[in-house]
PDB file of N, CA and C in Angstrom:
ATOM      1  N   MET A   1      69.731 -49.580 -62.209  1.00  0.00           N
ATOM      2  CA  MET A   1      69.382 -50.143 -60.924  1.00  0.00           C
ATOM      3  C   MET A   1      70.469 -49.831 -59.886  1.00  0.00           C
ATOM      4  N   ALA A   2      71.717 -49.966 -60.297  1.00  0.00           N
ATOM      5  CA  ALA A   2      72.812 -49.703 -59.357  1.00  0.00           C
ATOM      6  C   ALA A   2      72.781 -48.259 -58.863  1.00  0.00           C
ATOM      7  N   GLU A   3      72.514 -47.338 -59.768  1.00  0.00           N
ATOM      8  CA  GLU A   3      72.456 -45.926 -59.374  1.00  0.00           C
ATOM      9  C   GLU A   3      71.284 -45.673 -58.433  1.00  0.00           C
ATOM     10  N   ARG A   4      70.152 -46.291 -58.702  1.00  0.00           N
ATOM     11  CA  ARG A   4      68.981 -46.132 -57.827  1.00  0.00           C
ATOM     12  C   ARG A   4      69.271 -46.687 -56.435  1.00  0.00           C
ATOM     13  N   LEU A   5      69.952 -47.822 -56.363  1.00  0.00           N
ATOM     14  CA  LEU A   5      70.316 -48.389 -55.066  1.00  0.00           C
ATOM     15  C   LEU A   5      71.283 -47.463 -54.326  1.00  0.00           C
ATOM     16  N   LYS A   6      72.234 -46.916 -55.041  1.00  0.00           N
ATOM     17  CA  LYS A   6      73.191 -45.981 -54.435  1.00  0.00           C
ATOM     18  C   LYS A   6      72.468 -44.768 -53.859  1.00  0.00           C
ATOM     19  N   GLN A   7      71.520 -44.228 -54.613  1.00  0.00           N
ATOM     20  CA  GLN A   7      70.747 -43.078 -54.141  1.00  0.00           C
ATOM     21  C   GLN A   7      69.914 -43.448 -52.913  1.00  0.00           C
ATOM     22  N   ALA A   8      69.322 -44.625 -52.920  1.00  0.00           N
ATOM     23  CA  ALA A   8      68.514 -45.066 -51.777  1.00  0.00           C
ATOM     24  C   ALA A   8      69.389 -45.209 -50.536  1.00  0.00           C
ATOM     25  N   HIS A   9      70.585 -45.773 -50.694  1.00  0.00           N
ATOM     26  CA  HIS A   9      71.501 -45.889 -49.556  1.00  0.00           C
ATOM     27  C   HIS A   9      71.875 -44.505 -49.020  1.00  0.00           C
ATOM     28  N   ALA A  10      72.117 -43.555 -49.901  1.00  0.00           N
ATOM     29  CA  ALA A  10      72.451 -42.197 -49.469  1.00  0.00           C
ATOM     30  C   ALA A  10      71.287 -41.568 -48.712  1.00  0.00           C
ATOM     31  N   ARG A  11      70.076 -41.804 -49.192  1.00  0.00           N
ATOM     32  CA  ARG A  11      68.898 -41.258 -48.505  1.00  0.00           C
ATOM     33  C   ARG A  11      68.752 -41.858 -47.112  1.00  0.00           C
ATOM     34  N   VAL A  12      68.968 -43.153 -46.994  1.00  0.00           N
ATOM     35  CA  VAL A  12      68.875 -43.810 -45.683  1.00  0.00           C
ATOM     36  C   VAL A  12      69.939 -43.233 -44.751  1.00  0.00           C
ATOM     37  N   HIS A  13      71.138 -43.062 -45.261  1.00  0.00           N
ATOM     38  CA  HIS A  13      72.224 -42.517 -44.449  1.00  0.00           C
ATOM     39  C   HIS A  13      71.877 -41.118 -43.924  1.00  0.00           C
ATOM     40  N   ALA A  14      71.146 -40.343 -44.713  1.00  0.00           N
ATOM     41  CA  ALA A  14      70.820 -38.966 -44.348  1.00  0.00           C
ATOM     42  C   ALA A  14      69.601 -38.856 -43.426  1.00  0.00           C
ATOM     43  N   LEU A  15      68.873 -39.947 -43.227  1.00  0.00           N
ATOM     44  CA  LEU A  15      67.673 -39.890 -42.391  1.00  0.00           C
ATOM     45  C   LEU A  15      68.016 -39.563 -40.946  1.00  0.00           C
ATOM     46  N   ASN A  16      67.115 -38.864 -40.302  1.00  0.00           N
ATOM     47  CA  ASN A  16      67.256 -38.533 -38.886  1.00  0.00           C
ATOM     48  C   ASN A  16      66.461 -39.572 -38.080  1.00  0.00           C
ATOM     49  N   VAL A  17      67.012 -40.791 -38.044  1.00  0.00           N
ATOM     50  CA  VAL A  17      66.394 -41.890 -37.303  1.00  0.00           C
ATOM     51  C   VAL A  17      67.484 -42.580 -36.487  1.00  0.00           C
ATOM     52  N   SER A  18      67.065 -43.487 -35.636  1.00  0.00           N
ATOM     53  CA  SER A  18      68.022 -44.193 -34.784  1.00  0.00           C
ATOM     54  C   SER A  18      68.964 -45.071 -35.613  1.00  0.00           C
ATOM     55  N   VAL A  19      70.053 -45.425 -34.994  1.00  0.00           N
ATOM     56  CA  VAL A  19      71.016 -46.321 -35.639  1.00  0.00           C
ATOM     57  C   VAL A  19      70.343 -47.656 -35.963  1.00  0.00           C
ATOM     58  N   ASP A  20      69.512 -48.140 -35.051  1.00  0.00           N
ATOM     59  CA  ASP A  20      68.809 -49.406 -35.295  1.00  0.00           C
ATOM     60  C   ASP A  20      67.901 -49.309 -36.517  1.00  0.00           C
ATOM     61  N   ALA A  21      67.210 -48.185 -36.673  1.00  0.00           N
ATOM     62  CA  ALA A  21      66.334 -47.991 -37.823  1.00  0.00           C
ATOM     63  C   ALA A  21      67.157 -47.947 -39.113  1.00  0.00           C
ATOM     64  N   LYS A  22      68.268 -47.231 -39.082  1.00  0.00           N
ATOM     65  CA  LYS A  22      69.131 -47.173 -40.277  1.00  0.00           C
ATOM     66  C   LYS A  22      69.661 -48.559 -40.627  1.00  0.00           C
ATOM     67  N   THR A  23      70.012 -49.325 -39.618  1.00  0.00           N
ATOM     68  CA  THR A  23      70.508 -50.677 -39.849  1.00  0.00           C
ATOM     69  C   THR A  23      69.431 -51.534 -40.506  1.00  0.00           C
ATOM     70  N   ALA A  24      68.211 -51.427 -40.015  1.00  0.00           N
ATOM     71  CA  ALA A  24      67.108 -52.203 -40.590  1.00  0.00           C
ATOM     72  C   ALA A  24      66.850 -51.797 -42.039  1.00  0.00           C
ATOM     73  N   LEU A  25      66.876 -50.512 -42.308  1.00  0.00           N
ATOM     74  CA  LEU A  25      66.653 -50.027 -43.672  1.00  0.00           C
ATOM     75  C   LEU A  25      67.788 -50.464 -44.599  1.00  0.00           C
ATOM     76  N   THR A  26      69.002 -50.412 -44.110  1.00  0.00           N
ATOM     77  CA  THR A  26      70.142 -50.844 -44.909  1.00  0.00           C
ATOM     78  C   THR A  26      70.038 -52.328 -45.224  1.00  0.00           C
ATOM     79  N   ARG A  27      69.606 -53.111 -44.260  1.00  0.00           N
ATOM     80  CA  ARG A  27      69.408 -54.548 -44.511  1.00  0.00           C
ATOM     81  C   ARG A  27      68.383 -54.771 -45.612  1.00  0.00           C
ATOM     82  N   GLN A  28      67.316 -53.986 -45.596  1.00  0.00           N
ATOM     83  CA  GLN A  28      66.298 -54.121 -46.642  1.00  0.00           C
ATOM     84  C   GLN A  28      66.896 -53.816 -48.011  1.00  0.00           C
ATOM     85  N   LEU A  29      67.730 -52.798 -48.078  1.00  0.00           N
ATOM     86  CA  LEU A  29      68.371 -52.477 -49.353  1.00  0.00           C
ATOM     87  C   LEU A  29      69.342 -53.569 -49.788  1.00  0.00           C
ATOM     88  N   LEU A  30      70.003 -54.203 -48.844  1.00  0.00           N
ATOM     89  CA  LEU A  30      70.887 -55.313 -49.184  1.00  0.00           C
ATOM     90  C   LEU A  30      70.090 -56.501 -49.724  1.00  0.00           C
ATOM     91  N   ILE A  31      68.899 -56.701 -49.195  1.00  0.00           N
ATOM     92  CA  ILE A  31      68.026 -57.751 -49.720  1.00  0.00           C
ATOM     93  C   ILE A  31      67.639 -57.432 -51.160  1.00  0.00           C
ATOM     94  N   VAL A  32      67.333 -56.181 -51.435  1.00  0.00           N
ATOM     95  CA  VAL A  32      67.020 -55.771 -52.809  1.00  0.00           C
ATOM     96  C   VAL A  32      68.220 -56.048 -53.714  1.00  0.00           C
ATOM     97  N   THR A  33      69.407 -55.738 -53.231  1.00  0.00           N
ATOM     98  CA  THR A  33      70.625 -55.976 -54.014  1.00  0.00           C
ATOM     99  C   THR A  33      70.784 -57.464 -54.323  1.00  0.00           C
ATOM    100  N   GLU A  34      70.578 -58.302 -53.333  1.00  0.00           N
ATOM    101  CA  GLU A  34      70.676 -59.744 -53.548  1.00  0.00           C
ATOM    102  C   GLU A  34      69.596 -60.235 -54.510  1.00  0.00           C
ATOM    103  N   THR A  35      68.403 -59.687 -54.395  1.00  0.00           N
ATOM    104  CA  THR A  35      67.314 -60.059 -55.290  1.00  0.00           C
ATOM    105  C   THR A  35      67.660 -59.699 -56.728  1.00  0.00           C
ATOM    106  N   ALA A  36      68.330 -58.581 -56.917  1.00  0.00           N
ATOM    107  CA  ALA A  36      68.697 -58.133 -58.269  1.00  0.00           C
ATOM    108  C   ALA A  36      69.605 -59.133 -58.970  1.00  0.00           C
ATOM    109  N   LYS A  37      70.365 -59.888 -58.215  1.00  0.00           N
ATOM    110  CA  LYS A  37      71.250 -60.890 -58.812  1.00  0.00           C
ATOM    111  C   LYS A  37      70.467 -62.038 -59.439  1.00  0.00           C
ATOM    112  N   ARG A  38      69.247 -62.269 -58.937  1.00  0.00           N
ATOM    113  CA  ARG A  38      68.438 -63.393 -59.417  1.00  0.00           C
ATOM    114  C   ARG A  38      67.228 -62.961 -60.225  1.00  0.00           C
ATOM    115  N   ASP A  39      66.645 -61.820 -59.852  1.00  0.00           N
ATOM    116  CA  ASP A  39      65.372 -61.405 -60.447  1.00  0.00           C
ATOM    117  C   ASP A  39      65.324 -59.881 -60.497  1.00  0.00           C
ATOM    118  N   LEU A  40      65.858 -59.333 -61.573  1.00  0.00           N
ATOM    119  CA  LEU A  40      65.965 -57.879 -61.692  1.00  0.00           C
ATOM    120  C   LEU A  40      64.607 -57.174 -61.649  1.00  0.00           C
ATOM    121  N   PRO A  41      63.577 -57.666 -62.359  1.00  0.00           N
ATOM    122  CA  PRO A  41      62.278 -56.982 -62.278  1.00  0.00           C
ATOM    123  C   PRO A  41      61.701 -56.953 -60.852  1.00  0.00           C
ATOM    124  N   GLU A  42      61.850 -58.044 -60.110  1.00  0.00           N
ATOM    125  CA  GLU A  42      61.361 -58.067 -58.726  1.00  0.00           C
ATOM    126  C   GLU A  42      62.153 -57.092 -57.863  1.00  0.00           C
ATOM    127  N   ALA A  43      63.453 -57.037 -58.056  1.00  0.00           N
ATOM    128  CA  ALA A  43      64.277 -56.099 -57.294  1.00  0.00           C
ATOM    129  C   ALA A  43      63.866 -54.664 -57.594  1.00  0.00           C
ATOM    130  N   ALA A  44      63.590 -54.373 -58.849  1.00  0.00           N
ATOM    131  CA  ALA A  44      63.161 -53.023 -59.231  1.00  0.00           C
ATOM    132  C   ALA A  44      61.836 -52.676 -58.559  1.00  0.00           C
ATOM    133  N   ARG A  45      60.924 -53.637 -58.505  1.00  0.00           N
ATOM    134  CA  ARG A  45      59.633 -53.394 -57.821  1.00  0.00           C
ATOM    135  C   ARG A  45      59.850 -53.126 -56.334  1.00  0.00           C
ATOM    136  N   ARG A  46      60.684 -53.959 -55.715  1.00  0.00           N
ATOM    137  CA  ARG A  46      60.949 -53.772 -54.281  1.00  0.00           C
ATOM    138  C   ARG A  46      61.585 -52.415 -54.005  1.00  0.00           C
ATOM    139  N   LEU A  47      62.542 -52.041 -54.844  1.00  0.00           N
ATOM    140  CA  LEU A  47      63.209 -50.758 -54.660  1.00  0.00           C
ATOM    141  C   LEU A  47      62.235 -49.606 -54.864  1.00  0.00           C
ATOM    142  N   SER A  48      61.369 -49.721 -55.846  1.00  0.00           N
ATOM    143  CA  SER A  48      60.366 -48.671 -56.083  1.00  0.00           C
ATOM    144  C   SER A  48      59.456 -48.505 -54.875  1.00  0.00           C
ATOM    145  N   ARG A  49      59.014 -49.616 -54.292  1.00  0.00           N
ATOM    146  CA  ARG A  49      58.164 -49.541 -53.093  1.00  0.00           C
ATOM    147  C   ARG A  49      58.925 -48.910 -51.938  1.00  0.00           C
ATOM    148  N   PHE A  50      60.175 -49.302 -51.770  1.00  0.00           N
ATOM    149  CA  PHE A  50      61.009 -48.771 -50.700  1.00  0.00           C
ATOM    150  C   PHE A  50      61.148 -47.252 -50.832  1.00  0.00           C
ATOM    151  N   VAL A  51      61.503 -46.801 -52.028  1.00  0.00           N
ATOM    152  CA  VAL A  51      61.687 -45.364 -52.277  1.00  0.00           C
ATOM    153  C   VAL A  51      60.369 -44.619 -52.126  1.00  0.00           C
ATOM    154  N   HIS A  52      59.281 -45.211 -52.593  1.00  0.00           N
ATOM    155  CA  HIS A  52      57.964 -44.582 -52.450  1.00  0.00           C
ATOM    156  C   HIS A  52      57.650 -44.358 -50.971  1.00  0.00           C
ATOM    157  N   ASP A  53      57.908 -45.379 -50.144  1.00  0.00           N
ATOM    158  CA  ASP A  53      57.656 -45.231 -48.713  1.00  0.00           C
ATOM    159  C   ASP A  53      58.520 -44.123 -48.113  1.00  0.00           C
ATOM    160  N   LEU A  54      59.769 -44.035 -48.540  1.00  0.00           N
ATOM    161  CA  LEU A  54      60.633 -42.944 -48.048  1.00  0.00           C
ATOM    162  C   LEU A  54      60.070 -41.589 -48.500  1.00  0.00           C
ATOM    163  N   ASP A  55      59.627 -41.512 -49.757  1.00  0.00           N
ATOM    164  CA  ASP A  55      59.061 -40.262 -50.279  1.00  0.00           C
ATOM    165  C   ASP A  55      57.827 -39.833 -49.492  1.00  0.00           C
ATOM    166  N   GLU A  56      57.065 -40.807 -49.047  1.00  0.00           N
ATOM    167  CA  GLU A  56      55.832 -40.512 -48.293  1.00  0.00           C
ATOM    168  C   GLU A  56      56.114 -40.213 -46.823  1.00  0.00           C
ATOM    169  N   GLY A  57      57.361 -40.337 -46.432  1.00  0.00           N
ATOM    170  CA  GLY A  57      57.710 -40.055 -45.040  1.00  0.00           C
ATOM    171  C   GLY A  57      57.455 -41.220 -44.113  1.00  0.00           C
ATOM    172  N   HIS A  58      57.324 -42.398 -44.683  1.00  0.00           N
ATOM    173  CA  HIS A  58      57.072 -43.605 -43.895  1.00  0.00           C
ATOM    174  C   HIS A  58      58.150 -44.626 -44.209  1.00  0.00           C
ATOM    175  N   PRO A  59      59.312 -44.503 -43.569  1.00  0.00           N
ATOM    176  CA  PRO A  59      60.363 -45.480 -43.842  1.00  0.00           C
ATOM    177  C   PRO A  59      59.858 -46.908 -43.596  1.00  0.00           C
ATOM    178  N   PRO A  60      60.110 -47.791 -44.537  1.00  0.00           N
ATOM    179  CA  PRO A  60      59.641 -49.177 -44.405  1.00  0.00           C
ATOM    180  C   PRO A  60      60.474 -49.962 -43.390  1.00  0.00           C
ATOM    181  N   LEU A  61      60.092 -49.893 -42.138  1.00  0.00           N
ATOM    182  CA  LEU A  61      60.873 -50.507 -41.069  1.00  0.00           C
ATOM    183  C   LEU A  61      60.347 -51.877 -40.694  1.00  0.00           C
ATOM    184  N   ASP A  62      60.093 -52.714 -41.653  1.00  0.00           N
ATOM    185  CA  ASP A  62      59.600 -54.072 -41.379  1.00  0.00           C
ATOM    186  C   ASP A  62      60.740 -54.985 -41.013  1.00  0.00           C
TER     187      ASP A  62
END
């Protein structure tokens, strides 16, 4: 999980989006990290959805 989070952070850093968008995406990854401390399976699901959205070219900017 830690390696997957590290890779996701690197991907966000490499995106060609605004600073605000990168900040929002980084916050989402930090939420996943916090979730992993309490509920690893839920964190893994959230991270998988996040990465899937990045793979599809639709950064999850919620």
